[in-house]
Amino acid sequence: MKTHLKKLRFVLSVILIINSTLLFAQDVKSDRNNDKVTIENIQPVCPDLPKEKKPGVTVANFKLNVK
């Protein structure tokens, strides 16, 4: 009976490891379709509004730790 539990735990562990690697894998999108974003591609937001009434964007400070 204990060997069946050990086999079951092993199989469940393997399934968990495989699922976790699939969940954390990142899909890297290549630029083969020329999806580059440039200033020329970006459309102006609310071109008829004065600058004071246009929606704003704020970016928080962050650090990039490169090893």
PDB file of N, CA and C in Angstrom:
ATOM      1  N   MET A   1       0.825  -1.198   0.000  1.00  0.00           N
ATOM      2  CA  MET A   1       0.000   0.000   0.000  1.00  0.00           C
ATOM      3  C   MET A   1       0.866   1.257   0.000  1.00  0.00           C
ATOM      4  N   LYS A   2       1.973   1.237   0.749  1.00  0.00           N
ATOM      5  CA  LYS A   2       2.837   2.411   0.812  1.00  0.00           C
ATOM      6  C   LYS A   2       3.512   2.673  -0.528  1.00  0.00           C
ATOM      7  N   THR A   3       3.805   1.611  -1.279  1.00  0.00           N
ATOM      8  CA  THR A   3       4.439   1.819  -2.582  1.00  0.00           C
ATOM      9  C   THR A   3       3.485   2.518  -3.543  1.00  0.00           C
ATOM     10  N   HIS A   4       2.193   2.227  -3.434  1.00  0.00           N
ATOM     11  CA  HIS A   4       1.215   2.907  -4.282  1.00  0.00           C
ATOM     12  C   HIS A   4       1.144   4.391  -3.947  1.00  0.00           C
ATOM     13  N   LEU A   5       1.235   4.713  -2.672  1.00  0.00           N
ATOM     14  CA  LEU A   5       1.220   6.125  -2.272  1.00  0.00           C
ATOM     15  C   LEU A   5       2.474   6.834  -2.754  1.00  0.00           C
ATOM     16  N   LYS A   6       3.608   6.150  -2.684  1.00  0.00           N
ATOM     17  CA  LYS A   6       4.860   6.756  -3.162  1.00  0.00           C
ATOM     18  C   LYS A   6       4.789   6.992  -4.671  1.00  0.00           C
ATOM     19  N   LYS A   7       4.240   6.034  -5.406  1.00  0.00           N
ATOM     20  CA  LYS A   7       4.104   6.198  -6.855  1.00  0.00           C
ATOM     21  C   LYS A   7       3.144   7.342  -7.175  1.00  0.00           C
ATOM     22  N   LEU A   8       2.050   7.394  -6.433  1.00  0.00           N
ATOM     23  CA  LEU A   8       1.074   8.459  -6.646  1.00  0.00           C
ATOM     24  C   LEU A   8       1.684   9.826  -6.348  1.00  0.00           C
ATOM     25  N   ARG A   9       2.431   9.937  -5.270  1.00  0.00           N
ATOM     26  CA  ARG A   9       3.098  11.206  -4.939  1.00  0.00           C
ATOM     27  C   ARG A   9       4.100  11.586  -6.014  1.00  0.00           C
ATOM     28  N   PHE A  10       4.837  10.599  -6.519  1.00  0.00           N
ATOM     29  CA  PHE A  10       5.819  10.876  -7.563  1.00  0.00           C
ATOM     30  C   PHE A  10       5.128  11.385  -8.825  1.00  0.00           C
ATOM     31  N   VAL A  11       4.081  10.714  -9.241  1.00  0.00           N
ATOM     32  CA  VAL A  11       3.363  11.124 -10.456  1.00  0.00           C
ATOM     33  C   VAL A  11       2.770  12.516 -10.275  1.00  0.00           C
ATOM     34  N   LEU A  12       2.169  12.763  -9.126  1.00  0.00           N
ATOM     35  CA  LEU A  12       1.601  14.094  -8.876  1.00  0.00           C
ATOM     36  C   LEU A  12       2.685  15.166  -8.834  1.00  0.00           C
ATOM     37  N   SER A  13       3.847  14.839  -8.293  1.00  0.00           N
ATOM     38  CA  SER A  13       4.955  15.801  -8.261  1.00  0.00           C
ATOM     39  C   SER A  13       5.433  16.127  -9.662  1.00  0.00           C
ATOM     40  N   VAL A  14       5.539  15.107 -10.499  1.00  0.00           N
ATOM     41  CA  VAL A  14       5.975  15.335 -11.884  1.00  0.00           C
ATOM     42  C   VAL A  14       4.953  16.197 -12.621  1.00  0.00           C
ATOM     43  N   ILE A  15       3.682  15.904 -12.425  1.00  0.00           N
ATOM     44  CA  ILE A  15       2.633  16.708 -13.068  1.00  0.00           C
ATOM     45  C   ILE A  15       2.689  18.147 -12.577  1.00  0.00           C
ATOM     46  N   LEU A  16       2.903  18.347 -11.296  1.00  0.00           N
ATOM     47  CA  LEU A  16       2.996  19.694 -10.744  1.00  0.00           C
ATOM     48  C   LEU A  16       4.194  20.447 -11.311  1.00  0.00           C
ATOM     49  N   ILE A  17       5.323  19.780 -11.439  1.00  0.00           N
ATOM     50  CA  ILE A  17       6.523  20.429 -11.982  1.00  0.00           C
ATOM     51  C   ILE A  17       6.301  20.811 -13.438  1.00  0.00           C
ATOM     52  N   ILE A  18       5.711  19.927 -14.215  1.00  0.00           N
ATOM     53  CA  ILE A  18       5.462  20.228 -15.631  1.00  0.00           C
ATOM     54  C   ILE A  18       4.488  21.390 -15.760  1.00  0.00           C
ATOM     55  N   ASN A  19       3.429  21.376 -14.976  1.00  0.00           N
ATOM     56  CA  ASN A  19       2.457  22.476 -15.040  1.00  0.00           C
ATOM     57  C   ASN A  19       3.071  23.798 -14.609  1.00  0.00           C
ATOM     58  N   SER A  20       3.907  23.771 -13.585  1.00  0.00           N
ATOM     59  CA  SER A  20       4.498  25.026 -13.122  1.00  0.00           C
ATOM     60  C   SER A  20       5.441  25.606 -14.164  1.00  0.00           C
ATOM     61  N   THR A  21       6.185  24.757 -14.875  1.00  0.00           N
ATOM     62  CA  THR A  21       7.071  25.285 -15.916  1.00  0.00           C
ATOM     63  C   THR A  21       6.262  25.875 -17.059  1.00  0.00           C
ATOM     64  N   LEU A  22       5.120  25.275 -17.361  1.00  0.00           N
ATOM     65  CA  LEU A  22       4.287  25.826 -18.424  1.00  0.00           C
ATOM     66  C   LEU A  22       3.624  27.129 -17.999  1.00  0.00           C
ATOM     67  N   LEU A  23       3.266  27.234 -16.733  1.00  0.00           N
ATOM     68  CA  LEU A  23       2.622  28.456 -16.249  1.00  0.00           C
ATOM     69  C   LEU A  23       3.583  29.631 -16.212  1.00  0.00           C
ATOM     70  N   PHE A  24       4.829  29.373 -15.871  1.00  0.00           N
ATOM     71  CA  PHE A  24       5.786  30.464 -15.720  1.00  0.00           C
ATOM     72  C   PHE A  24       6.579  30.740 -16.985  1.00  0.00           C
ATOM     73  N   ALA A  25       6.380  29.958 -18.015  1.00  0.00           N
ATOM     74  CA  ALA A  25       7.085  30.200 -19.268  1.00  0.00           C
ATOM     75  C   ALA A  25       6.529  31.464 -19.908  1.00  0.00           C
ATOM     76  N   GLN A  26       7.413  32.248 -20.475  1.00  0.00           N
ATOM     77  CA  GLN A  26       6.991  33.489 -21.109  1.00  0.00           C
ATOM     78  C   GLN A  26       7.015  33.313 -22.618  1.00  0.00           C
ATOM     79  N   ASP A  27       5.995  33.842 -23.248  1.00  0.00           N
ATOM     80  CA  ASP A  27       5.925  33.798 -24.696  1.00  0.00           C
ATOM     81  C   ASP A  27       6.680  35.004 -25.243  1.00  0.00           C
ATOM     82  N   VAL A  28       7.805  34.754 -25.855  1.00  0.00           N
ATOM     83  CA  VAL A  28       8.623  35.837 -26.399  1.00  0.00           C
ATOM     84  C   VAL A  28       8.171  36.087 -27.828  1.00  0.00           C
ATOM     85  N   LYS A  29       7.715  37.306 -28.048  1.00  0.00           N
ATOM     86  CA  LYS A  29       7.222  37.670 -29.371  1.00  0.00           C
ATOM     87  C   LYS A  29       8.357  38.295 -30.168  1.00  0.00           C
ATOM     88  N   SER A  30       8.638  37.711 -31.295  1.00  0.00           N
ATOM     89  CA  SER A  30       9.688  38.286 -32.126  1.00  0.00           C
ATOM     90  C   SER A  30       9.095  39.393 -32.992  1.00  0.00           C
ATOM     91  N   ASP A  31       9.946  40.153 -33.582  1.00  0.00           N
ATOM     92  CA  ASP A  31       9.511  41.295 -34.380  1.00  0.00           C
ATOM     93  C   ASP A  31       9.498  40.932 -35.862  1.00  0.00           C
ATOM     94  N   ARG A  32       9.051  39.741 -36.181  1.00  0.00           N
ATOM     95  CA  ARG A  32       9.050  39.337 -37.587  1.00  0.00           C
ATOM     96  C   ARG A  32       7.952  40.018 -38.388  1.00  0.00           C
ATOM     97  N   ASN A  33       6.940  40.567 -37.712  1.00  0.00           N
ATOM     98  CA  ASN A  33       5.860  41.267 -38.410  1.00  0.00           C
ATOM     99  C   ASN A  33       6.071  42.775 -38.420  1.00  0.00           C
ATOM    100  N   ASN A  34       7.257  43.212 -38.062  1.00  0.00           N
ATOM    101  CA  ASN A  34       7.578  44.641 -38.014  1.00  0.00           C
ATOM    102  C   ASN A  34       6.625  45.393 -37.100  1.00  0.00           C
ATOM    103  N   ASP A  35       6.462  44.887 -35.877  1.00  0.00           N
ATOM    104  CA  ASP A  35       5.567  45.497 -34.896  1.00  0.00           C
ATOM    105  C   ASP A  35       6.267  46.564 -34.066  1.00  0.00           C
ATOM    106  N   LYS A  36       7.307  47.153 -34.576  1.00  0.00           N
ATOM    107  CA  LYS A  36       8.035  48.156 -33.808  1.00  0.00           C
ATOM    108  C   LYS A  36       7.183  49.397 -33.611  1.00  0.00           C
ATOM    109  N   VAL A  37       7.250  49.943 -32.402  1.00  0.00           N
ATOM    110  CA  VAL A  37       6.515  51.165 -32.097  1.00  0.00           C
ATOM    111  C   VAL A  37       7.477  52.331 -32.252  1.00  0.00           C
ATOM    112  N   THR A  38       7.102  53.283 -33.050  1.00  0.00           N
ATOM    113  CA  THR A  38       7.915  54.478 -33.251  1.00  0.00           C
ATOM    114  C   THR A  38       7.042  55.701 -32.995  1.00  0.00           C
ATOM    115  N   ILE A  39       7.679  56.826 -32.890  1.00  0.00           N
ATOM    116  CA  ILE A  39       6.956  58.075 -32.674  1.00  0.00           C
ATOM    117  C   ILE A  39       5.993  58.336 -33.837  1.00  0.00           C
ATOM    118  N   GLU A  40       6.390  57.940 -35.016  1.00  0.00           N
ATOM    119  CA  GLU A  40       5.547  58.170 -36.183  1.00  0.00           C
ATOM    120  C   GLU A  40       4.266  57.329 -36.127  1.00  0.00           C
ATOM    121  N   ASN A  41       4.299  56.160 -35.475  1.00  0.00           N
ATOM    122  CA  ASN A  41       3.131  55.271 -35.415  1.00  0.00           C
ATOM    123  C   ASN A  41       2.110  55.739 -34.388  1.00  0.00           C
ATOM    124  N   ILE A  42       2.523  56.495 -33.401  1.00  0.00           N
ATOM    125  CA  ILE A  42       1.641  56.865 -32.294  1.00  0.00           C
ATOM    126  C   ILE A  42       0.755  58.028 -32.713  1.00  0.00           C
ATOM    127  N   GLN A  43      -0.542  57.820 -32.576  1.00  0.00           N
ATOM    128  CA  GLN A  43      -1.500  58.859 -32.931  1.00  0.00           C
ATOM    129  C   GLN A  43      -1.643  59.831 -31.761  1.00  0.00           C
ATOM    130  N   PRO A  44      -1.823  61.120 -32.020  1.00  0.00           N
ATOM    131  CA  PRO A  44      -2.016  62.077 -30.932  1.00  0.00           C
ATOM    132  C   PRO A  44      -3.347  61.839 -30.215  1.00  0.00           C
ATOM    133  N   VAL A  45      -3.337  62.058 -28.904  1.00  0.00           N
ATOM    134  CA  VAL A  45      -4.537  61.876 -28.091  1.00  0.00           C
ATOM    135  C   VAL A  45      -5.253  63.215 -27.994  1.00  0.00           C
ATOM    136  N   CYS A  46      -6.516  63.215 -28.333  1.00  0.00           N
ATOM    137  CA  CYS A  46      -7.362  64.411 -28.245  1.00  0.00           C
ATOM    138  C   CYS A  46      -6.689  65.623 -28.897  1.00  0.00           C
ATOM    139  N   PRO A  47      -6.469  65.593 -30.191  1.00  0.00           N
ATOM    140  CA  PRO A  47      -5.737  66.701 -30.829  1.00  0.00           C
ATOM    141  C   PRO A  47      -6.455  68.040 -30.754  1.00  0.00           C
ATOM    142  N   ASP A  48      -7.775  68.044 -30.540  1.00  0.00           N
ATOM    143  CA  ASP A  48      -8.531  69.302 -30.510  1.00  0.00           C
ATOM    144  C   ASP A  48      -8.572  69.953 -29.137  1.00  0.00           C
ATOM    145  N   LEU A  49      -8.162  69.229 -28.084  1.00  0.00           N
ATOM    146  CA  LEU A  49      -8.198  69.780 -26.731  1.00  0.00           C
ATOM    147  C   LEU A  49      -6.935  70.579 -26.432  1.00  0.00           C
ATOM    148  N   PRO A  50      -7.044  71.600 -25.590  1.00  0.00           N
ATOM    149  CA  PRO A  50      -5.828  72.301 -25.160  1.00  0.00           C
ATOM    150  C   PRO A  50      -4.984  71.384 -24.263  1.00  0.00           C
ATOM    151  N   LYS A  51      -3.722  71.677 -24.154  1.00  0.00           N
ATOM    152  CA  LYS A  51      -2.781  70.829 -23.416  1.00  0.00           C
ATOM    153  C   LYS A  51      -3.209  70.609 -21.966  1.00  0.00           C
ATOM    154  N   GLU A  52      -3.800  71.603 -21.321  1.00  0.00           N
ATOM    155  CA  GLU A  52      -4.193  71.512 -19.921  1.00  0.00           C
ATOM    156  C   GLU A  52      -5.308  70.485 -19.706  1.00  0.00           C
ATOM    157  N   LYS A  53      -6.123  70.222 -20.724  1.00  0.00           N
ATOM    158  CA  LYS A  53      -7.260  69.313 -20.571  1.00  0.00           C
ATOM    159  C   LYS A  53      -6.991  67.908 -21.110  1.00  0.00           C
ATOM    160  N   LYS A  54      -5.840  67.684 -21.693  1.00  0.00           N
ATOM    161  CA  LYS A  54      -5.516  66.360 -22.219  1.00  0.00           C
ATOM    162  C   LYS A  54      -5.180  65.400 -21.078  1.00  0.00           C
ATOM    163  N   PRO A  55      -5.494  64.130 -21.260  1.00  0.00           N
ATOM    164  CA  PRO A  55      -5.134  63.156 -20.214  1.00  0.00           C
ATOM    165  C   PRO A  55      -3.627  63.035 -20.092  1.00  0.00           C
ATOM    166  N   GLY A  56      -3.165  62.854 -18.857  1.00  0.00           N
ATOM    167  CA  GLY A  56      -1.733  62.755 -18.617  1.00  0.00           C
ATOM    168  C   GLY A  56      -1.322  61.343 -18.226  1.00  0.00           C
ATOM    169  N   VAL A  57      -0.053  61.054 -18.339  1.00  0.00           N
ATOM    170  CA  VAL A  57       0.503  59.756 -17.959  1.00  0.00           C
ATOM    171  C   VAL A  57       1.658  60.006 -17.007  1.00  0.00           C
ATOM    172  N   THR A  58       1.670  59.287 -15.903  1.00  0.00           N
ATOM    173  CA  THR A  58       2.761  59.384 -14.943  1.00  0.00           C
ATOM    174  C   THR A  58       3.433  58.026 -14.836  1.00  0.00           C
ATOM    175  N   VAL A  59       4.747  58.026 -14.853  1.00  0.00           N
ATOM    176  CA  VAL A  59       5.510  56.784 -14.732  1.00  0.00           C
ATOM    177  C   VAL A  59       6.256  56.819 -13.410  1.00  0.00           C
ATOM    178  N   ALA A  60       6.089  55.771 -12.618  1.00  0.00           N
ATOM    179  CA  ALA A  60       6.764  55.694 -11.325  1.00  0.00           C
ATOM    180  C   ALA A  60       8.244  55.403 -11.523  1.00  0.00           C
ATOM    181  N   ASN A  61       9.061  55.849 -10.559  1.00  0.00           N
ATOM    182  CA  ASN A  61      10.481  55.536 -10.604  1.00  0.00           C
ATOM    183  C   ASN A  61      10.687  54.057 -10.335  1.00  0.00           C
ATOM    184  N   PHE A  62      11.678  53.472 -10.980  1.00  0.00           N
ATOM    185  CA  PHE A  62      11.996  52.078 -10.744  1.00  0.00           C
ATOM    186  C   PHE A  62      13.481  51.874 -10.995  1.00  0.00           C
ATOM    187  N   LYS A  63      14.019  50.817 -10.401  1.00  0.00           N
ATOM    188  CA  LYS A  63      15.405  50.454 -10.589  1.00  0.00           C
ATOM    189  C   LYS A  63      15.466  49.158 -11.382  1.00  0.00           C
ATOM    190  N   LEU A  64      16.433  49.071 -12.255  1.00  0.00           N
ATOM    191  CA  LEU A  64      16.639  47.869 -13.029  1.00  0.00           C
ATOM    192  C   LEU A  64      17.919  47.222 -12.548  1.00  0.00           C
ATOM    193  N   ASN A  65      17.790  46.066 -11.932  1.00  0.00           N
ATOM    194  CA  ASN A  65      18.963  45.343 -11.436  1.00  0.00           C
ATOM    195  C   ASN A  65      19.451  44.396 -12.505  1.00  0.00           C
ATOM    196  N   VAL A  66      20.555  44.734 -13.119  1.00  0.00           N
ATOM    197  CA  VAL A  66      21.136  43.903 -14.173  1.00  0.00           C
ATOM    198  C   VAL A  66      22.370  43.233 -13.615  1.00  0.00           C
ATOM    199  N   LYS A  67      22.400  41.951 -13.745  1.00  0.00           N
ATOM    200  CA  LYS A  67      23.568  41.203 -13.248  1.00  0.00           C
ATOM    201  C   LYS A  67      24.407  40.702 -14.379  1.00  0.00           C
TER     202      LYS A  67
END
